[in-house]
N, C-alpha and C. Protein backbone atom coordinates (compact mmCIF):
# COMPACT_ATOMS: atom_id res chain seq x y z
N MET A 1 -39.07 -12.20 21.08
CA MET A 1 -37.75 -11.72 20.76
C MET A 1 -37.66 -10.23 21.05
N SER A 2 -36.53 -9.83 21.57
CA SER A 2 -36.29 -8.40 21.78
C SER A 2 -35.90 -7.77 20.45
N ASN A 3 -36.24 -6.50 20.30
CA ASN A 3 -35.96 -5.78 19.08
C ASN A 3 -35.26 -4.48 19.44
N SER A 4 -34.10 -4.24 18.84
CA SER A 4 -33.33 -3.04 19.13
C SER A 4 -33.08 -2.29 17.82
N ASN A 5 -33.84 -1.23 17.59
CA ASN A 5 -33.71 -0.41 16.38
C ASN A 5 -33.84 -1.24 15.10
N GLY A 6 -34.73 -2.18 15.08
CA GLY A 6 -34.96 -3.00 13.89
C GLY A 6 -34.08 -4.22 13.80
N PHE A 7 -33.18 -4.41 14.75
CA PHE A 7 -32.31 -5.58 14.75
C PHE A 7 -32.72 -6.50 15.88
N LEU A 8 -32.88 -7.78 15.54
CA LEU A 8 -33.18 -8.75 16.57
C LEU A 8 -31.91 -8.99 17.40
N ILE A 9 -32.10 -9.31 18.65
CA ILE A 9 -30.92 -9.52 19.49
C ILE A 9 -30.90 -10.95 20.03
N ASP A 10 -31.35 -11.90 19.20
CA ASP A 10 -31.20 -13.30 19.58
C ASP A 10 -29.94 -13.84 18.90
N ASN A 11 -29.66 -15.11 19.06
CA ASN A 11 -28.43 -15.68 18.54
C ASN A 11 -28.74 -16.72 17.47
N SER A 12 -29.80 -16.51 16.72
CA SER A 12 -30.18 -17.48 15.68
C SER A 12 -29.30 -17.28 14.45
N PRO A 13 -29.18 -18.34 13.63
CA PRO A 13 -28.36 -18.22 12.42
C PRO A 13 -28.85 -17.13 11.46
N SER A 14 -30.15 -16.95 11.34
CA SER A 14 -30.66 -15.93 10.42
C SER A 14 -30.30 -14.53 10.93
N THR A 15 -30.35 -14.33 12.23
CA THR A 15 -29.97 -13.03 12.79
C THR A 15 -28.47 -12.79 12.60
N GLN A 16 -27.67 -13.82 12.82
CA GLN A 16 -26.23 -13.68 12.62
C GLN A 16 -25.90 -13.37 11.16
N LEU A 17 -26.65 -13.99 10.22
CA LEU A 17 -26.45 -13.71 8.80
C LEU A 17 -26.77 -12.25 8.49
N LYS A 18 -27.86 -11.75 9.06
CA LYS A 18 -28.21 -10.34 8.84
C LYS A 18 -27.11 -9.43 9.38
N TYR A 19 -26.59 -9.75 10.56
CA TYR A 19 -25.51 -8.94 11.13
C TYR A 19 -24.25 -9.01 10.25
N ASP A 20 -23.95 -10.19 9.70
CA ASP A 20 -22.79 -10.33 8.82
C ASP A 20 -22.95 -9.49 7.56
N ILE A 21 -24.14 -9.48 6.99
CA ILE A 21 -24.40 -8.69 5.78
C ILE A 21 -24.25 -7.21 6.08
N VAL A 22 -24.82 -6.74 7.18
CA VAL A 22 -24.74 -5.33 7.55
C VAL A 22 -23.28 -4.94 7.82
N ALA A 23 -22.55 -5.79 8.53
CA ALA A 23 -21.15 -5.50 8.83
C ALA A 23 -20.33 -5.47 7.55
N SER A 24 -20.59 -6.38 6.62
CA SER A 24 -19.86 -6.41 5.36
C SER A 24 -20.11 -5.14 4.56
N LYS A 25 -21.35 -4.69 4.50
CA LYS A 25 -21.66 -3.45 3.79
C LYS A 25 -21.00 -2.25 4.47
N PHE A 26 -20.96 -2.24 5.78
CA PHE A 26 -20.32 -1.14 6.51
C PHE A 26 -18.82 -1.11 6.22
N VAL A 27 -18.17 -2.27 6.26
CA VAL A 27 -16.73 -2.33 6.01
C VAL A 27 -16.43 -1.94 4.57
N THR A 28 -17.23 -2.41 3.62
CA THR A 28 -17.02 -2.06 2.21
C THR A 28 -17.17 -0.56 2.01
N GLY A 29 -18.18 0.03 2.63
CA GLY A 29 -18.37 1.48 2.52
C GLY A 29 -17.21 2.25 3.11
N THR A 30 -16.71 1.79 4.25
CA THR A 30 -15.57 2.45 4.88
C THR A 30 -14.32 2.35 4.01
N GLU A 31 -14.07 1.16 3.43
CA GLU A 31 -12.91 0.98 2.56
C GLU A 31 -13.03 1.86 1.32
N ASN A 32 -14.20 1.93 0.73
CA ASN A 32 -14.40 2.78 -0.45
C ASN A 32 -14.16 4.25 -0.11
N HIS A 33 -14.61 4.67 1.04
CA HIS A 33 -14.41 6.05 1.48
C HIS A 33 -12.92 6.35 1.61
N HIS A 34 -12.17 5.42 2.20
CA HIS A 34 -10.73 5.62 2.37
C HIS A 34 -10.01 5.64 1.02
N LYS A 35 -10.45 4.79 0.08
CA LYS A 35 -9.83 4.77 -1.24
C LYS A 35 -10.07 6.08 -1.97
N LEU A 36 -11.28 6.61 -1.87
CA LEU A 36 -11.60 7.85 -2.55
C LEU A 36 -10.84 9.04 -1.95
N ASN A 37 -10.60 9.00 -0.67
CA ASN A 37 -9.96 10.13 0.00
C ASN A 37 -8.47 9.92 0.22
N ALA A 38 -7.92 8.85 -0.35
CA ALA A 38 -6.50 8.57 -0.18
C ALA A 38 -5.70 9.54 -1.05
N HIS A 39 -4.58 9.97 -0.56
CA HIS A 39 -3.70 10.83 -1.33
C HIS A 39 -2.34 10.16 -1.46
N ILE A 40 -1.65 10.49 -2.50
CA ILE A 40 -0.34 9.91 -2.73
C ILE A 40 0.67 10.70 -1.92
N SER A 41 1.44 9.99 -1.13
CA SER A 41 2.44 10.65 -0.31
C SER A 41 3.66 10.97 -1.17
N LEU A 42 3.88 12.24 -1.40
CA LEU A 42 4.98 12.68 -2.25
C LEU A 42 6.32 12.40 -1.59
N GLY A 43 6.39 12.49 -0.27
CA GLY A 43 7.64 12.26 0.43
C GLY A 43 8.16 10.84 0.24
N ASN A 44 7.29 9.86 0.31
CA ASN A 44 7.69 8.47 0.11
C ASN A 44 8.17 8.24 -1.32
N ASN A 45 7.48 8.83 -2.28
CA ASN A 45 7.86 8.65 -3.67
C ASN A 45 9.19 9.32 -3.97
N LEU A 46 9.43 10.50 -3.41
CA LEU A 46 10.70 11.17 -3.63
C LEU A 46 11.85 10.38 -3.01
N GLY A 47 11.62 9.77 -1.88
CA GLY A 47 12.65 8.94 -1.27
C GLY A 47 13.00 7.75 -2.14
N LEU A 48 12.00 7.13 -2.73
CA LEU A 48 12.22 5.99 -3.61
C LEU A 48 12.97 6.43 -4.87
N ILE A 49 12.56 7.54 -5.45
CA ILE A 49 13.23 8.05 -6.65
C ILE A 49 14.68 8.40 -6.32
N GLY A 50 14.92 9.00 -5.17
CA GLY A 50 16.27 9.34 -4.76
C GLY A 50 17.13 8.10 -4.58
N ALA A 51 16.57 7.06 -4.02
CA ALA A 51 17.33 5.82 -3.81
C ALA A 51 17.69 5.18 -5.15
N VAL A 52 16.76 5.16 -6.09
CA VAL A 52 17.03 4.59 -7.41
C VAL A 52 18.11 5.41 -8.12
N LEU A 53 18.01 6.74 -8.07
CA LEU A 53 19.03 7.58 -8.70
C LEU A 53 20.39 7.37 -8.05
N GLN A 54 20.42 7.21 -6.75
CA GLN A 54 21.69 6.98 -6.06
C GLN A 54 22.32 5.66 -6.50
N ILE A 55 21.52 4.63 -6.68
CA ILE A 55 22.03 3.34 -7.15
C ILE A 55 22.57 3.47 -8.57
N ILE A 56 21.84 4.17 -9.43
CA ILE A 56 22.29 4.34 -10.81
C ILE A 56 23.60 5.12 -10.86
N ILE A 57 23.70 6.19 -10.12
CA ILE A 57 24.93 6.99 -10.09
C ILE A 57 26.09 6.17 -9.55
N SER A 58 25.84 5.37 -8.53
CA SER A 58 26.89 4.52 -7.97
C SER A 58 27.37 3.50 -9.00
N LEU A 59 26.45 2.88 -9.72
CA LEU A 59 26.83 1.90 -10.74
C LEU A 59 27.64 2.55 -11.86
N VAL A 60 27.22 3.74 -12.29
CA VAL A 60 27.96 4.45 -13.33
C VAL A 60 29.36 4.79 -12.84
N ALA A 61 29.49 5.23 -11.59
CA ALA A 61 30.79 5.57 -11.04
C ALA A 61 31.69 4.33 -10.96
N VAL A 62 31.16 3.21 -10.49
CA VAL A 62 31.95 1.98 -10.37
C VAL A 62 32.37 1.49 -11.76
N LEU A 63 31.45 1.50 -12.72
CA LEU A 63 31.79 1.08 -14.08
C LEU A 63 32.82 2.03 -14.71
N GLY A 64 32.67 3.32 -14.46
CA GLY A 64 33.62 4.30 -14.99
C GLY A 64 35.01 4.09 -14.41
N LEU A 65 35.08 3.88 -13.11
CA LEU A 65 36.38 3.64 -12.48
C LEU A 65 36.99 2.33 -12.96
N GLY A 66 36.17 1.31 -13.12
CA GLY A 66 36.66 0.03 -13.64
C GLY A 66 37.17 0.16 -15.05
N LEU A 67 36.44 0.86 -15.90
CA LEU A 67 36.87 1.08 -17.27
C LEU A 67 38.15 1.90 -17.31
N HIS A 68 38.25 2.90 -16.47
CA HIS A 68 39.46 3.72 -16.38
C HIS A 68 40.66 2.86 -15.97
N TRP A 69 40.46 1.98 -15.03
CA TRP A 69 41.54 1.09 -14.56
C TRP A 69 41.98 0.15 -15.67
N VAL A 70 41.00 -0.41 -16.42
CA VAL A 70 41.32 -1.33 -17.51
C VAL A 70 42.10 -0.60 -18.60
N ILE A 71 41.65 0.58 -18.99
CA ILE A 71 42.33 1.35 -20.04
C ILE A 71 43.74 1.72 -19.58
N LYS A 72 43.88 2.09 -18.32
CA LYS A 72 45.18 2.47 -17.78
C LYS A 72 46.15 1.27 -17.79
N ARG A 73 45.64 0.07 -17.52
CA ARG A 73 46.47 -1.14 -17.50
C ARG A 73 46.88 -1.55 -18.91
N LEU A 74 46.01 -1.31 -19.90
CA LEU A 74 46.31 -1.70 -21.28
C LEU A 74 47.33 -0.77 -21.93
N PHE A 75 47.31 0.50 -21.62
CA PHE A 75 48.19 1.46 -22.25
C PHE A 75 49.19 1.91 -21.29
């Protein structure tokens, strides 16, 4: 069998299992690194907060105008 830096380069199931384990550990390490270095995007959060506030203000305005119309019709 050929040996490349401690890894066999045949196509046996045991070799494929070793490669799967190494690849899984590499991917897990990369994901953990990204999670630790992730930052919260303030711009996206401000946009969401702005959209929610805009909806609330719109609902208050529509309810206020509706209430004004009802009061005006009654009196």
